[in-house]
Amino acid sequence: MRNVLLAGVGGQGTVLAAKVLAQAAQEKGWQVRTAETIGMAQRGGNVVSHVRMGDGGEEVLAPLLAHGTADLVVAFEPAEAARVVPFLAPGGTLVTATTALQPVTAALSKTPYRAAAVVARLQEQLADAATFVAVDDAALCALVGSRKVLNTLLLASALKTGCLPLDVDDLRRAIASCVKPRFVDLNLAAIDAVAAR
């Protein structure tokens, strides 16, 4: 059984990333269950997607992950990574984007939100307990020419770690099935950008 948690902010493509990951698993013949917990997502609220995959032929009975059970956590924003880190299993992998999205509370506050400090704290916290991957999403998105592929960049970065028995070819096929045709080539370019690094 493989458990994956994806966390981001409304509009970042978290739900589509979960759909792509589930499609890749289904194409391998695995049973998959997914669920989303969405808090005011259209207004910049948090979005969490749960993906459970029976990669050993197991029957997946429930879609939601419990704390400490995620083999992989993919965070689309550093503060979201910090918020969902309790879901990460010992020895799991956390992949996070490094670009901050300023929450309204930080914008109104005199204390700025510093993403670099959050990333550094996560790296320190997980040093001996898990694999931590910070993705320079700004540079990769600039290389591809669009922030619309953030979800694909993060999924490709996660699969590159070998934390799941899926590879980039599985991801390519799932993208062709799930993404609107006019965006397929852009997403495939995002995979190529991660593979080239």
C-alpha atoms as a PDB file:
ATOM      1  CA  MET A   1       0.000   0.000   0.000  1.00  0.00           C
ATOM      2  CA  ARG A   2       1.313   3.443  -0.916  1.00  0.00           C
ATOM      3  CA  ASN A   3      -0.081   6.592   0.640  1.00  0.00           C
ATOM      4  CA  VAL A   4       0.409  10.046  -0.851  1.00  0.00           C
ATOM      5  CA  LEU A   5      -0.723  13.418   0.446  1.00  0.00           C
ATOM      6  CA  LEU A   6      -0.704  16.512  -1.775  1.00  0.00           C
ATOM      7  CA  ALA A   7      -1.148  19.919  -0.160  1.00  0.00           C
ATOM      8  CA  GLY A   8      -1.416  23.346  -1.714  1.00  0.00           C
ATOM      9  CA  VAL A   9      -3.453  26.478  -2.123  1.00  0.00           C
ATOM     10  CA  GLY A  10      -6.551  26.792  -4.271  1.00  0.00           C
ATOM     11  CA  GLY A  11      -5.667  27.242  -7.938  1.00  0.00           C
ATOM     12  CA  GLN A  12      -2.261  25.531  -7.826  1.00  0.00           C
ATOM     13  CA  GLY A  13      -3.445  22.279  -9.401  1.00  0.00           C
ATOM     14  CA  THR A  14      -3.400  20.020  -6.359  1.00  0.00           C
ATOM     15  CA  VAL A  15      -6.593  18.185  -7.300  1.00  0.00           C
ATOM     16  CA  LEU A  16      -5.405  17.628 -10.888  1.00  0.00           C
ATOM     17  CA  ALA A  17      -2.071  16.307  -9.581  1.00  0.00           C
ATOM     18  CA  ALA A  18      -3.959  13.761  -7.455  1.00  0.00           C
ATOM     19  CA  LYS A  19      -6.031  12.753 -10.475  1.00  0.00           C
ATOM     20  CA  VAL A  20      -2.882  12.279 -12.595  1.00  0.00           C
ATOM     21  CA  LEU A  21      -1.198  10.227  -9.886  1.00  0.00           C
ATOM     22  CA  ALA A  22      -4.304   8.069  -9.453  1.00  0.00           C
ATOM     23  CA  GLN A  23      -4.514   7.554 -13.223  1.00  0.00           C
ATOM     24  CA  ALA A  24      -0.864   6.459 -13.366  1.00  0.00           C
ATOM     25  CA  ALA A  25      -1.536   3.929 -10.598  1.00  0.00           C
ATOM     26  CA  GLN A  26      -4.742   2.640 -12.213  1.00  0.00           C
ATOM     27  CA  GLU A  27      -2.938   2.106 -15.509  1.00  0.00           C
ATOM     28  CA  LYS A  28      -0.617  -0.268 -13.630  1.00  0.00           C
ATOM     29  CA  GLY A  29      -3.668  -2.229 -12.485  1.00  0.00           C
ATOM     30  CA  TRP A  30      -3.605  -1.004  -8.882  1.00  0.00           C
ATOM     31  CA  GLN A  31      -6.714  -0.235  -6.906  1.00  0.00           C
ATOM     32  CA  VAL A  32      -6.795   3.469  -6.014  1.00  0.00           C
ATOM     33  CA  ARG A  33      -8.908   5.654  -3.747  1.00  0.00           C
ATOM     34  CA  THR A  34      -8.712   9.453  -3.617  1.00  0.00           C
ATOM     35  CA  ALA A  35     -10.336  12.217  -1.622  1.00  0.00           C
ATOM     36  CA  GLU A  36      -9.948  15.964  -1.278  1.00  0.00           C
ATOM     37  CA  THR A  37     -10.418  18.206   1.696  1.00  0.00           C
ATOM     38  CA  ILE A  38     -10.887  21.717   0.423  1.00  0.00           C
ATOM     39  CA  GLY A  39     -11.141  24.826   2.574  1.00  0.00           C
ATOM     40  CA  MET A  40     -12.310  27.866   0.622  1.00  0.00           C
ATOM     41  CA  ALA A  41     -10.043  26.755  -2.198  1.00  0.00           C
ATOM     42  CA  GLN A  42     -11.303  29.300  -4.699  1.00  0.00           C
ATOM     43  CA  ARG A  43     -10.276  32.077  -2.318  1.00  0.00           C
ATOM     44  CA  GLY A  44      -6.725  30.925  -1.776  1.00  0.00           C
ATOM     45  CA  GLY A  45      -7.580  28.459   0.974  1.00  0.00           C
ATOM     46  CA  ASN A  46      -5.805  25.194   1.559  1.00  0.00           C
ATOM     47  CA  VAL A  47      -6.424  22.105  -0.556  1.00  0.00           C
ATOM     48  CA  VAL A  48      -5.334  18.639   0.538  1.00  0.00           C
ATOM     49  CA  SER A  49      -5.667  15.578  -1.686  1.00  0.00           C
ATOM     50  CA  HIS A  50      -5.291  12.033  -0.374  1.00  0.00           C
ATOM     51  CA  VAL A  51      -4.240   9.237  -2.754  1.00  0.00           C
ATOM     52  CA  ARG A  52      -4.044   5.622  -1.570  1.00  0.00           C
ATOM     53  CA  MET A  53      -2.737   2.982  -3.973  1.00  0.00           C
ATOM     54  CA  GLY A  54      -2.744  -0.793  -3.579  1.00  0.00           C
ATOM     55  CA  ASP A  55       0.548  -1.377  -5.384  1.00  0.00           C
ATOM     56  CA  GLY A  56       0.854  -4.904  -3.960  1.00  0.00           C
ATOM     57  CA  GLY A  57      -2.615  -5.972  -5.047  1.00  0.00           C
ATOM     58  CA  GLU A  58      -4.222  -4.812  -1.804  1.00  0.00           C
ATOM     59  CA  GLU A  59      -7.819  -3.704  -1.658  1.00  0.00           C
ATOM     60  CA  VAL A  60      -7.999  -0.030  -0.727  1.00  0.00           C
ATOM     61  CA  LEU A  61     -10.959   0.368   1.586  1.00  0.00           C
ATOM     62  CA  ALA A  62     -10.751   4.036   2.609  1.00  0.00           C
ATOM     63  CA  PRO A  63      -9.360   7.115   0.865  1.00  0.00           C
ATOM     64  CA  LEU A  64      -8.199   9.269   3.795  1.00  0.00           C
ATOM     65  CA  LEU A  65      -4.719   9.088   5.298  1.00  0.00           C
ATOM     66  CA  ALA A  66      -4.059   9.190   9.026  1.00  0.00           C
ATOM     67  CA  HIS A  67      -1.207  11.140  10.595  1.00  0.00           C
ATOM     68  CA  GLY A  68       2.136   9.399  10.213  1.00  0.00           C
ATOM     69  CA  THR A  69       1.102   7.219   7.249  1.00  0.00           C
ATOM     70  CA  ALA A  70       2.075   9.149   4.086  1.00  0.00           C
ATOM     71  CA  ASP A  71       4.931   7.562   2.162  1.00  0.00           C
ATOM     72  CA  LEU A  72       5.064  10.760   0.133  1.00  0.00           C
ATOM     73  CA  VAL A  73       3.936  14.307   0.867  1.00  0.00           C
ATOM     74  CA  VAL A  74       3.995  16.765  -2.032  1.00  0.00           C
ATOM     75  CA  ALA A  75       3.561  20.387  -0.947  1.00  0.00           C
ATOM     76  CA  PHE A  76       2.920  23.133  -3.457  1.00  0.00           C
ATOM     77  CA  GLU A  77       3.969  25.848  -1.002  1.00  0.00           C
ATOM     78  CA  PRO A  78       6.330  25.838   2.046  1.00  0.00           C
ATOM     79  CA  ALA A  79       3.754  26.811   4.681  1.00  0.00           C
ATOM     80  CA  GLU A  80       1.475  24.049   3.402  1.00  0.00           C
ATOM     81  CA  ALA A  81       4.389  21.608   3.784  1.00  0.00           C
ATOM     82  CA  ALA A  82       4.827  22.695   7.401  1.00  0.00           C
ATOM     83  CA  ARG A  83       1.108  22.353   8.030  1.00  0.00           C
ATOM     84  CA  VAL A  84       0.843  18.758   6.752  1.00  0.00           C
ATOM     85  CA  VAL A  85       4.212  17.368   7.892  1.00  0.00           C
ATOM     86  CA  PRO A  86       2.466  15.380  10.689  1.00  0.00           C
ATOM     87  CA  PHE A  87       1.030  13.126   7.942  1.00  0.00           C
ATOM     88  CA  LEU A  88       4.523  12.028   6.826  1.00  0.00           C
ATOM     89  CA  ALA A  89       5.465   8.477   7.790  1.00  0.00           C
ATOM     90  CA  PRO A  90       8.857   7.778   9.375  1.00  0.00           C
ATOM     91  CA  GLY A  91      11.305   7.295   6.510  1.00  0.00           C
ATOM     92  CA  GLY A  92       8.900   8.926   4.054  1.00  0.00           C
ATOM     93  CA  THR A  93       9.634  11.612   1.480  1.00  0.00           C
ATOM     94  CA  LEU A  94       8.536  15.247   1.546  1.00  0.00           C
ATOM     95  CA  VAL A  95       8.834  17.233  -1.692  1.00  0.00           C
ATOM     96  CA  THR A  96       8.030  20.938  -1.488  1.00  0.00           C
ATOM     97  CA  ALA A  97       8.064  23.966  -3.754  1.00  0.00           C
ATOM     98  CA  THR A  98      10.153  26.807  -2.334  1.00  0.00           C
ATOM     99  CA  THR A  99       8.101  29.749  -3.620  1.00  0.00           C
ATOM    100  CA  ALA A 100       5.830  31.384  -1.056  1.00  0.00           C
ATOM    101  CA  LEU A 101       2.267  32.481  -1.616  1.00  0.00           C
ATOM    102  CA  GLN A 102       1.673  35.239   0.886  1.00  0.00           C
ATOM    103  CA  PRO A 103      -1.442  34.518   2.935  1.00  0.00           C
ATOM    104  CA  VAL A 104      -3.755  37.420   3.669  1.00  0.00           C
ATOM    105  CA  THR A 105      -2.790  37.329   7.351  1.00  0.00           C
ATOM    106  CA  ALA A 106       0.893  37.840   6.459  1.00  0.00           C
ATOM    107  CA  ALA A 107       0.072  40.606   3.999  1.00  0.00           C
ATOM    108  CA  LEU A 108      -1.834  42.478   6.718  1.00  0.00           C
ATOM    109  CA  SER A 109       0.738  41.778   9.407  1.00  0.00           C
ATOM    110  CA  LYS A 110       3.935  43.657  10.168  1.00  0.00           C
ATOM    111  CA  THR A 111       5.729  40.297  10.335  1.00  0.00           C
ATOM    112  CA  PRO A 112       6.513  39.015   6.837  1.00  0.00           C
ATOM    113  CA  TYR A 113       6.209  35.367   5.865  1.00  0.00           C
ATOM    114  CA  ARG A 114       9.666  34.133   4.875  1.00  0.00           C
ATOM    115  CA  ALA A 115       9.473  30.909   2.889  1.00  0.00           C
ATOM    116  CA  ALA A 116      13.233  30.309   3.107  1.00  0.00           C
ATOM    117  CA  ALA A 117      12.988  30.122   6.898  1.00  0.00           C
ATOM    118  CA  VAL A 118      10.142  27.597   6.665  1.00  0.00           C
ATOM    119  CA  VAL A 119      12.092  25.453   4.195  1.00  0.00           C
ATOM    120  CA  ALA A 120      15.205  25.572   6.385  1.00  0.00           C
ATOM    121  CA  ARG A 121      13.191  24.547   9.445  1.00  0.00           C
ATOM    122  CA  LEU A 122      11.596  21.633   7.587  1.00  0.00           C
ATOM    123  CA  GLN A 123      14.992  20.471   6.364  1.00  0.00           C
ATOM    124  CA  GLU A 124      16.336  20.592   9.927  1.00  0.00           C
ATOM    125  CA  GLN A 125      13.272  18.852  11.361  1.00  0.00           C
ATOM    126  CA  LEU A 126      13.357  16.001   8.838  1.00  0.00           C
ATOM    127  CA  ALA A 127      17.156  15.593   8.626  1.00  0.00           C
ATOM    128  CA  ASP A 128      17.289  12.122  10.186  1.00  0.00           C
ATOM    129  CA  ALA A 129      13.654  11.087   9.931  1.00  0.00           C
ATOM    130  CA  ALA A 130      12.734  11.430   6.244  1.00  0.00           C
ATOM    131  CA  THR A 131      13.909  12.392   2.763  1.00  0.00           C
ATOM    132  CA  PHE A 132      13.433  16.106   2.148  1.00  0.00           C
ATOM    133  CA  VAL A 133      13.480  17.622  -1.344  1.00  0.00           C
ATOM    134  CA  ALA A 134      13.142  21.384  -1.859  1.00  0.00           C
ATOM    135  CA  VAL A 135      12.249  22.157  -5.483  1.00  0.00           C
ATOM    136  CA  ASP A 136      13.242  25.517  -6.968  1.00  0.00           C
ATOM    137  CA  ASP A 137       9.873  25.781  -8.654  1.00  0.00           C
ATOM    138  CA  ALA A 138      10.418  29.392  -9.772  1.00  0.00           C
ATOM    139  CA  ALA A 139      13.460  28.400 -11.830  1.00  0.00           C
ATOM    140  CA  LEU A 140      11.805  25.312 -13.306  1.00  0.00           C
ATOM    141  CA  CYS A 141       8.592  27.160 -14.179  1.00  0.00           C
ATOM    142  CA  ALA A 142      10.661  29.904 -15.831  1.00  0.00           C
ATOM    143  CA  LEU A 143      12.537  27.263 -17.812  1.00  0.00           C
ATOM    144  CA  VAL A 144       9.263  25.759 -19.063  1.00  0.00           C
ATOM    145  CA  GLY A 145       7.667  29.176 -19.500  1.00  0.00           C
ATOM    146  CA  SER A 146       4.588  28.741 -17.317  1.00  0.00           C
ATOM    147  CA  ARG A 147       3.557  28.370 -13.650  1.00  0.00           C
ATOM    148  CA  LYS A 148       0.607  26.273 -14.813  1.00  0.00           C
ATOM    149  CA  VAL A 149       2.860  23.199 -14.734  1.00  0.00           C
ATOM    150  CA  LEU A 150       3.807  23.474 -11.053  1.00  0.00           C
ATOM    151  CA  ASN A 151       1.827  20.333 -10.255  1.00  0.00           C
ATOM    152  CA  THR A 152       3.596  18.293 -12.939  1.00  0.00           C
ATOM    153  CA  LEU A 153       7.014  19.642 -11.926  1.00  0.00           C
ATOM    154  CA  LEU A 154       6.428  18.561  -8.334  1.00  0.00           C
ATOM    155  CA  LEU A 155       5.094  15.120  -9.293  1.00  0.00           C
ATOM    156  CA  ALA A 156       8.062  14.527 -11.611  1.00  0.00           C
ATOM    157  CA  SER A 157      10.450  15.684  -8.866  1.00  0.00           C
ATOM    158  CA  ALA A 158       8.808  13.294  -6.406  1.00  0.00           C
ATOM    159  CA  LEU A 159       8.973  10.332  -8.783  1.00  0.00           C
ATOM    160  CA  LYS A 160      12.622  11.116  -9.492  1.00  0.00           C
ATOM    161  CA  THR A 161      13.407  10.278  -5.836  1.00  0.00           C
ATOM    162  CA  GLY A 162      12.208   6.694  -6.358  1.00  0.00           C
ATOM    163  CA  CYS A 163       9.829   6.929  -3.397  1.00  0.00           C
ATOM    164  CA  LEU A 164       6.980   5.327  -5.385  1.00  0.00           C
ATOM    165  CA  PRO A 165       7.025   2.387  -7.804  1.00  0.00           C
ATOM    166  CA  LEU A 166       6.020   4.741 -10.633  1.00  0.00           C
ATOM    167  CA  ASP A 167       8.277   6.449 -13.139  1.00  0.00           C
ATOM    168  CA  VAL A 168       8.142   9.422 -15.494  1.00  0.00           C
ATOM    169  CA  ASP A 169       6.816   7.273 -18.344  1.00  0.00           C
ATOM    170  CA  ASP A 170       3.838   6.358 -16.142  1.00  0.00           C
ATOM    171  CA  LEU A 171       3.417  10.074 -15.450  1.00  0.00           C
ATOM    172  CA  ARG A 172       3.581  10.930 -19.172  1.00  0.00           C
ATOM    173  CA  ARG A 173       0.812   8.448 -20.008  1.00  0.00           C
ATOM    174  CA  ALA A 174      -1.387   9.695 -17.166  1.00  0.00           C
ATOM    175  CA  ILE A 175      -0.954  13.304 -18.269  1.00  0.00           C
ATOM    176  CA  ALA A 176      -2.054  12.409 -21.770  1.00  0.00           C
ATOM    177  CA  SER A 177      -5.223  10.902 -20.241  1.00  0.00           C
ATOM    178  CA  CYS A 178      -6.040  13.606 -17.662  1.00  0.00           C
ATOM    179  CA  VAL A 179      -4.824  16.974 -18.922  1.00  0.00           C
ATOM    180  CA  LYS A 180      -6.678  19.074 -21.492  1.00  0.00           C
ATOM    181  CA  PRO A 181      -5.120  18.409 -24.930  1.00  0.00           C
ATOM    182  CA  ARG A 182      -3.889  21.978 -25.373  1.00  0.00           C
ATOM    183  CA  PHE A 183      -1.794  21.667 -22.173  1.00  0.00           C
ATOM    184  CA  VAL A 184      -0.338  18.179 -22.708  1.00  0.00           C
ATOM    185  CA  ASP A 185       2.845  19.313 -24.498  1.00  0.00           C
ATOM    186  CA  LEU A 186       3.498  21.979 -21.864  1.00  0.00           C
ATOM    187  CA  ASN A 187       3.208  19.378 -19.095  1.00  0.00           C
ATOM    188  CA  LEU A 188       5.448  16.933 -20.958  1.00  0.00           C
ATOM    189  CA  ALA A 189       8.027  19.737 -21.255  1.00  0.00           C
ATOM    190  CA  ALA A 190       7.825  20.144 -17.479  1.00  0.00           C
ATOM    191  CA  ILE A 191       8.675  16.463 -17.012  1.00  0.00           C
ATOM    192  CA  ASP A 192      11.619  16.850 -19.397  1.00  0.00           C
ATOM    193  CA  ALA A 193      12.841  19.892 -17.438  1.00  0.00           C
ATOM    194  CA  VAL A 194      12.897  17.895 -14.188  1.00  0.00           C
ATOM    195  CA  ALA A 195      14.535  14.886 -15.860  1.00  0.00           C
ATOM    196  CA  ALA A 196      17.274  17.104 -17.273  1.00  0.00           C
ATOM    197  CA  ARG A 197      18.246  18.409 -13.805  1.00  0.00           C
END
